[in-house]
Amino acid sequence: MTDITEEEAEALDEQWTKNTPRLKPNGSGFISRRYARLMGLDDLSIDYLMTKSEATKKSPAQIIGELIREKIEVSL
């Protein structure tokens, strides 16, 4: 990593202070997509989860849990 000047550091500090990053409460943001990819999900599955998550205001984990419970109920 390269060193930055004092002026660049102040500009960066001001940028992040004024524009605080916001995380999406339902787990549908960039980090959730990266995590899903690391878990081995394909793009179609990730897109489905993110779309369903935004529409239902549920986290991807909640949606996956519901899908699994549905499969278990059908198989019994």
C-alpha atoms as a PDB file:
ATOM      1  CA  MET A   1       0.000   0.000   0.000  1.00  0.00           C
ATOM      2  CA  THR A   2       1.386   3.388  -0.917  1.00  0.00           C
ATOM      3  CA  ASP A   3       1.657   6.238   1.541  1.00  0.00           C
ATOM      4  CA  ILE A   4      -0.667   9.159   1.085  1.00  0.00           C
ATOM      5  CA  THR A   5      -0.006  12.800   1.814  1.00  0.00           C
ATOM      6  CA  GLU A   6      -1.544  14.650   4.728  1.00  0.00           C
ATOM      7  CA  GLU A   7      -3.754  16.537   2.279  1.00  0.00           C
ATOM      8  CA  GLU A   8      -5.009  13.312   0.697  1.00  0.00           C
ATOM      9  CA  ALA A   9      -5.667  11.826   4.145  1.00  0.00           C
ATOM     10  CA  GLU A  10      -7.726  14.859   5.170  1.00  0.00           C
ATOM     11  CA  ALA A  11      -9.714  14.721   1.914  1.00  0.00           C
ATOM     12  CA  LEU A  12     -10.373  11.014   2.416  1.00  0.00           C
ATOM     13  CA  ASP A  13     -11.406  11.576   6.032  1.00  0.00           C
ATOM     14  CA  GLU A  14     -13.795  14.328   4.965  1.00  0.00           C
ATOM     15  CA  GLN A  15     -15.241  12.118   2.216  1.00  0.00           C
ATOM     16  CA  TRP A  16     -16.031   9.237   4.608  1.00  0.00           C
ATOM     17  CA  THR A  17     -17.226  11.552   7.383  1.00  0.00           C
ATOM     18  CA  LYS A  18     -19.752  13.264   5.125  1.00  0.00           C
ATOM     19  CA  ASN A  19     -20.756  10.097   3.232  1.00  0.00           C
ATOM     20  CA  THR A  20     -21.086   7.349   5.775  1.00  0.00           C
ATOM     21  CA  PRO A  21     -21.592   3.982   4.051  1.00  0.00           C
ATOM     22  CA  ARG A  22     -24.989   2.479   4.767  1.00  0.00           C
ATOM     23  CA  LEU A  23     -25.569  -1.217   5.054  1.00  0.00           C
ATOM     24  CA  LYS A  24     -28.845  -2.638   3.845  1.00  0.00           C
ATOM     25  CA  PRO A  25     -30.709  -4.067   6.818  1.00  0.00           C
ATOM     26  CA  ASN A  26     -32.052  -7.099   4.987  1.00  0.00           C
ATOM     27  CA  GLY A  27     -28.693  -8.442   3.856  1.00  0.00           C
ATOM     28  CA  SER A  28     -29.066  -7.649   0.177  1.00  0.00           C
ATOM     29  CA  GLY A  29     -25.969  -5.547  -0.335  1.00  0.00           C
ATOM     30  CA  PHE A  30     -22.535  -6.035  -1.835  1.00  0.00           C
ATOM     31  CA  ILE A  31     -21.121  -7.967   1.122  1.00  0.00           C
ATOM     32  CA  SER A  32     -24.059 -10.374   1.125  1.00  0.00           C
ATOM     33  CA  ARG A  33     -23.538 -11.045  -2.586  1.00  0.00           C
ATOM     34  CA  ARG A  34     -19.813 -11.699  -2.000  1.00  0.00           C
ATOM     35  CA  TYR A  35     -20.595 -14.035   0.882  1.00  0.00           C
ATOM     36  CA  ALA A  36     -23.134 -15.923  -1.217  1.00  0.00           C
ATOM     37  CA  ARG A  37     -20.552 -16.326  -3.976  1.00  0.00           C
ATOM     38  CA  LEU A  38     -18.014 -17.646  -1.453  1.00  0.00           C
ATOM     39  CA  MET A  39     -20.592 -20.209  -0.327  1.00  0.00           C
ATOM     40  CA  GLY A  40     -20.678 -21.540  -3.886  1.00  0.00           C
ATOM     41  CA  LEU A  41     -23.981 -20.126  -5.117  1.00  0.00           C
ATOM     42  CA  ASP A  42     -24.264 -19.422  -8.832  1.00  0.00           C
ATOM     43  CA  ASP A  43     -25.308 -16.044 -10.270  1.00  0.00           C
ATOM     44  CA  LEU A  44     -28.909 -17.135 -10.895  1.00  0.00           C
ATOM     45  CA  SER A  45     -29.330 -18.240  -7.274  1.00  0.00           C
ATOM     46  CA  ILE A  46     -27.747 -15.048  -5.956  1.00  0.00           C
ATOM     47  CA  ASP A  47     -29.977 -12.890  -8.169  1.00  0.00           C
ATOM     48  CA  TYR A  48     -33.055 -14.798  -6.989  1.00  0.00           C
ATOM     49  CA  LEU A  49     -32.082 -14.395  -3.338  1.00  0.00           C
ATOM     50  CA  MET A  50     -31.312 -10.676  -3.689  1.00  0.00           C
ATOM     51  CA  THR A  51     -34.530  -9.952  -5.605  1.00  0.00           C
ATOM     52  CA  LYS A  52     -36.657 -11.959  -3.178  1.00  0.00           C
ATOM     53  CA  SER A  53     -34.854 -10.352  -0.247  1.00  0.00           C
ATOM     54  CA  GLU A  54     -35.593  -6.832  -1.437  1.00  0.00           C
ATOM     55  CA  ALA A  55     -39.218  -7.672  -2.266  1.00  0.00           C
ATOM     56  CA  THR A  56     -40.024  -9.379   1.032  1.00  0.00           C
ATOM     57  CA  LYS A  57     -37.715  -7.350   3.315  1.00  0.00           C
ATOM     58  CA  LYS A  58     -36.200 -10.586   4.597  1.00  0.00           C
ATOM     59  CA  SER A  59     -32.562 -11.562   4.747  1.00  0.00           C
ATOM     60  CA  PRO A  60     -31.180 -14.124   2.288  1.00  0.00           C
ATOM     61  CA  ALA A  61     -30.641 -16.452   5.257  1.00  0.00           C
ATOM     62  CA  GLN A  62     -34.344 -16.258   6.139  1.00  0.00           C
ATOM     63  CA  ILE A  63     -35.324 -17.031   2.545  1.00  0.00           C
ATOM     64  CA  ILE A  64     -32.967 -20.008   2.372  1.00  0.00           C
ATOM     65  CA  GLY A  65     -34.359 -21.262   5.701  1.00  0.00           C
ATOM     66  CA  GLU A  66     -37.912 -21.025   4.379  1.00  0.00           C
ATOM     67  CA  LEU A  67     -36.986 -22.885   1.187  1.00  0.00           C
ATOM     68  CA  ILE A  68     -35.359 -25.666   3.183  1.00  0.00           C
ATOM     69  CA  ARG A  69     -38.343 -25.977   5.532  1.00  0.00           C
ATOM     70  CA  GLU A  70     -40.670 -26.186   2.508  1.00  0.00           C
ATOM     71  CA  LYS A  71     -38.557 -28.992   1.023  1.00  0.00           C
ATOM     72  CA  ILE A  72     -38.612 -30.868   4.339  1.00  0.00           C
ATOM     73  CA  GLU A  73     -42.397 -30.525   4.623  1.00  0.00           C
ATOM     74  CA  VAL A  74     -42.907 -31.820   1.078  1.00  0.00           C
ATOM     75  CA  SER A  75     -40.655 -34.826   1.668  1.00  0.00           C
ATOM     76  CA  LEU A  76     -42.429 -35.933   4.859  1.00  0.00           C
END
